[in-house]
Amino acid sequence: MDAQKIADRLIKLRGNRTQAEVAEALGISQSAYSMYENGERIPRDEIKKRIAQFYKRSVNTIFFAD
């Protein structure tokens, strides 16, 4: 799992939304979501599922695709 590739995908998926809007929709803090987008942390499995549902993508597409 490449944290920077995941970060780039999350930034692209977020589009015009703010990090705060996405974090609130996911039920996590804005600082946690920011760390995911900065490649500083990879979300745990439960959060991966929420992110995938929010963006209407599969977990594999966001977190495991090359």
Protein backbone atom coordinates (compact mmCIF):
# COMPACT_ATOMS: atom_id res chain seq x y z
CA MET A 1 0.00 0.00 0.00
CA ASP A 2 1.54 3.28 -1.15
CA ALA A 3 0.41 6.08 1.15
CA GLN A 4 1.21 8.79 -1.39
CA LYS A 5 -0.80 7.11 -4.18
CA ILE A 6 -3.73 6.77 -1.81
CA ALA A 7 -3.34 10.41 -0.81
CA ASP A 8 -3.39 11.52 -4.45
CA ARG A 9 -6.55 9.48 -5.13
CA LEU A 10 -8.31 10.93 -2.08
CA ILE A 11 -7.46 14.48 -3.12
CA LYS A 12 -8.78 13.84 -6.63
CA LEU A 13 -11.97 12.21 -5.32
CA ARG A 14 -12.65 15.08 -2.90
CA GLY A 15 -12.94 17.54 -5.78
CA ASN A 16 -14.41 20.87 -4.66
CA ARG A 17 -15.46 19.66 -1.21
CA THR A 18 -13.47 20.78 1.80
CA GLN A 19 -11.61 18.31 3.98
CA ALA A 20 -13.89 19.35 6.83
CA GLU A 21 -17.03 18.48 4.81
CA VAL A 22 -15.70 15.04 3.91
CA ALA A 23 -14.45 14.35 7.42
CA GLU A 24 -17.83 15.29 8.90
CA ALA A 25 -19.64 13.02 6.44
CA LEU A 26 -17.28 10.18 7.40
CA GLY A 27 -17.61 10.80 11.14
CA ILE A 28 -13.89 11.47 11.65
CA SER A 29 -11.85 14.55 12.51
CA GLN A 30 -10.65 16.91 9.82
CA SER A 31 -7.08 16.43 11.06
CA ALA A 32 -7.32 12.65 10.56
CA TYR A 33 -8.64 13.10 7.02
CA SER A 34 -5.89 15.61 6.34
CA MET A 35 -3.28 13.05 7.39
CA TYR A 36 -4.75 10.57 4.89
CA GLU A 37 -4.52 13.16 2.11
CA ASN A 38 -0.97 14.08 3.10
CA GLY A 39 0.16 10.46 3.05
CA GLU A 40 1.01 10.57 6.74
CA ARG A 41 -1.47 7.83 7.73
CA ILE A 42 -3.45 5.09 6.06
CA PRO A 43 -6.98 4.70 7.40
CA ARG A 44 -7.95 1.59 9.30
CA ASP A 45 -10.28 -0.85 7.59
CA GLU A 46 -13.54 0.56 8.96
CA ILE A 47 -12.65 4.05 7.73
CA LYS A 48 -11.60 2.66 4.34
CA LYS A 49 -15.11 1.22 3.99
CA ARG A 50 -16.72 4.56 4.89
CA ILE A 51 -14.52 6.43 2.42
CA ALA A 52 -15.34 3.95 -0.35
CA GLN A 53 -19.08 4.24 0.35
CA PHE A 54 -18.90 8.04 0.46
CA TYR A 55 -17.14 8.25 -2.91
CA LYS A 56 -19.16 5.35 -4.39
CA ARG A 57 -15.99 3.43 -5.25
CA SER A 58 -14.66 0.08 -4.10
CA VAL A 59 -12.10 -0.19 -1.32
CA ASN A 60 -9.79 -1.92 -3.80
CA THR A 61 -10.04 0.91 -6.32
CA ILE A 62 -9.09 3.58 -3.79
CA PHE A 63 -6.59 1.76 -1.59
CA PHE A 64 -5.10 -1.13 -3.52
CA ALA A 65 -5.10 -0.26 -7.24
CA ASP A 66 -1.72 0.30 -8.89
